[in-house]
Every structure is written in structure tokens, then in C-alpha cells.
């Protein structure tokens, strides 16, 4: 469930990237990045808007991430292009209830399971 603030940030990232409306992989990525203020503020370290690509080096210390934000970035990268990540159990374990909901909503978006 998106808050109004999340929705505004999400739309801003989609527009900034020029994401195609059918590109559910990139939509899921930006859904996660826009759903947590800390990740939204670090988006330039996580995603290259000029090359339209993720920055895997962010997971190797390129960006300061907590265990929870790292798990969300791993999930976002995995939903985007199958980037290798830990198991879903390991990714969900460090997340707060709100961030677990964010993760599930991103998975739902990525696999087209939204309620119409």
C-alpha cells in the first residue's frame, strides 16, 4: 500500500528514468527505492540514470546500507534483472513490518498480481 509521499517519489523516479509503462522490472525497482526515504535519498548511488542501469557496487560498500536497506536493495536488484541475492527468507528477516509490506507489494507489482 503506497502512501501519497511514496507515490509522488515513485512517479518522480519513473519520469526521471523515462521508464516504459510495460517495464514492470524497473517499476518494481523504483517502487522499493521510493518506498523508503533512506533509499530514495541514496538512489543516485544505487541506479545510474544516464545508463539506465543498477549499480551493483552499491552492495560492496559503495553506499552506506543497514541490514534492512541492503536486503531491500538486493530484492530490488533481483526483481529488476535476476541479480543474485540471498533467499527470500534471508531478505525478509531483517525488515520491519512496513518494509516487509513494501517488499511484498514490489513482488506483486513485478509479477502482475495487482488487484484490478
Protein backbone atom coordinates (compact mmCIF):
# COMPACT_ATOMS: atom_id res chain seq x y z
CA UNK A 1 0.00 0.00 0.00
CA UNK A 2 1.53 3.28 -1.12
CA UNK A 3 1.38 6.49 0.88
CA UNK A 4 0.92 9.73 -1.02
CA UNK A 5 4.58 10.62 -0.37
CA UNK A 6 5.68 7.23 -1.71
CA UNK A 7 3.51 7.66 -4.81
CA UNK A 8 4.99 11.09 -5.57
CA UNK A 9 8.58 9.83 -5.21
CA UNK A 10 7.77 6.74 -7.28
CA UNK A 11 6.36 8.82 -10.14
CA UNK A 12 9.36 11.16 -9.97
CA UNK A 13 11.78 8.24 -10.39
CA UNK A 14 9.77 6.74 -13.25
CA UNK A 15 9.73 10.09 -15.06
CA UNK A 16 13.40 10.77 -14.37
CA UNK A 17 14.30 7.39 -15.85
CA UNK A 18 11.79 7.50 -18.68
CA UNK A 19 10.53 4.07 -17.65
CA UNK A 20 8.24 2.41 -20.17
CA UNK A 21 4.77 1.67 -18.72
CA UNK A 22 5.28 -2.03 -19.57
CA UNK A 23 8.67 -2.26 -17.81
CA UNK A 24 7.49 -3.95 -14.61
CA UNK A 25 11.05 -4.91 -13.68
CA UNK A 26 12.18 -1.29 -13.44
CA UNK A 27 8.86 -0.29 -11.85
CA UNK A 28 9.43 -2.80 -9.03
CA UNK A 29 12.97 -1.46 -8.54
CA UNK A 30 11.77 2.13 -8.27
CA UNK A 31 8.82 1.10 -6.12
CA UNK A 32 11.26 -0.16 -3.49
CA UNK A 33 13.65 2.79 -3.82
CA UNK A 34 10.82 5.29 -3.47
CA UNK A 35 9.11 3.46 -0.60
CA UNK A 36 11.84 4.15 1.94
CA UNK A 37 13.17 7.66 2.37
CA UNK A 38 16.72 6.45 3.09
CA UNK A 39 16.87 4.53 -0.20
CA UNK A 40 15.22 7.35 -2.11
CA UNK A 41 17.91 9.73 -0.83
CA UNK A 42 20.62 7.28 -1.97
CA UNK A 43 19.08 6.47 -5.36
CA UNK A 44 21.96 8.01 -7.34
CA UNK A 45 24.35 5.58 -5.69
CA UNK A 46 22.01 2.67 -6.44
CA UNK A 47 20.96 3.45 -10.01
CA UNK A 48 22.65 5.15 -12.95
CA UNK A 49 20.04 7.34 -14.65
CA UNK A 50 22.34 8.08 -17.60
CA UNK A 51 22.99 4.41 -18.41
CA UNK A 52 19.59 3.27 -17.09
CA UNK A 53 21.19 0.53 -15.03
CA UNK A 54 21.65 -0.61 -11.46
CA UNK A 55 24.90 -0.02 -9.60
CA UNK A 56 25.85 -3.41 -8.11
CA UNK A 57 28.90 -1.85 -6.46
CA UNK A 58 26.46 -0.25 -4.02
CA UNK A 59 26.26 -3.65 -2.32
CA UNK A 60 30.04 -3.81 -1.98
CA UNK A 61 30.31 -0.71 0.19
CA UNK A 62 29.63 1.91 -2.45
CA UNK A 63 26.58 3.09 -0.48
CA UNK A 64 26.07 3.06 3.29
CA UNK A 65 23.32 0.48 3.89
CA UNK A 66 21.87 -1.04 7.04
CA UNK A 67 20.98 -4.74 7.07
CA UNK A 68 17.37 -3.84 6.24
CA UNK A 69 18.14 -1.38 3.45
CA UNK A 70 20.70 -3.79 1.99
CA UNK A 71 18.04 -6.53 1.92
CA UNK A 72 15.62 -4.21 0.10
CA UNK A 73 18.30 -3.22 -2.43
CA UNK A 74 19.14 -6.88 -3.05
CA UNK A 75 15.46 -7.62 -3.60
CA UNK A 76 15.06 -4.59 -5.89
CA UNK A 77 18.09 -5.64 -7.96
CA UNK A 78 16.82 -9.22 -8.13
CA UNK A 79 13.34 -8.15 -9.27
CA UNK A 80 14.94 -5.87 -11.84
CA UNK A 81 17.18 -8.35 -13.64
CA UNK A 82 17.59 -11.53 -11.61
CA UNK A 83 20.69 -10.14 -9.88
CA UNK A 84 21.90 -12.82 -7.44
CA UNK A 85 20.58 -12.37 -3.92
CA UNK A 86 20.04 -14.23 -0.71
CA UNK A 87 16.93 -16.35 -0.19
CA UNK A 88 13.61 -14.61 0.28
CA UNK A 89 13.63 -15.76 3.92
CA UNK A 90 17.02 -14.14 4.47
CA UNK A 91 15.96 -10.95 2.71
CA UNK A 92 12.74 -10.60 4.69
CA UNK A 93 14.21 -11.43 8.11
CA UNK A 94 15.82 -8.03 8.88
CA UNK A 95 12.86 -5.99 7.61
CA UNK A 96 10.35 -4.12 9.73
CA UNK A 97 6.66 -4.86 9.17
CA UNK A 98 6.32 -1.78 6.94
CA UNK A 99 9.33 -2.76 4.85
CA UNK A 100 8.08 -6.33 4.54
CA UNK A 101 4.86 -4.90 3.12
CA UNK A 102 6.93 -2.77 0.74
CA UNK A 103 8.82 -5.89 -0.40
CA UNK A 104 5.63 -7.91 -0.92
CA UNK A 105 3.99 -5.03 -2.80
CA UNK A 106 7.05 -4.77 -5.09
CA UNK A 107 6.91 -8.51 -5.78
CA UNK A 108 3.20 -8.18 -6.51
CA UNK A 109 3.89 -5.31 -8.92
CA UNK A 110 6.73 -7.15 -10.64
CA UNK A 111 4.70 -10.29 -11.30
CA UNK A 112 1.48 -8.54 -12.33
CA UNK A 113 -0.62 -9.69 -9.39
CA UNK A 114 -2.21 -6.30 -8.70
CA UNK A 115 -5.92 -6.20 -7.98
CA UNK A 116 -7.63 -4.52 -10.89
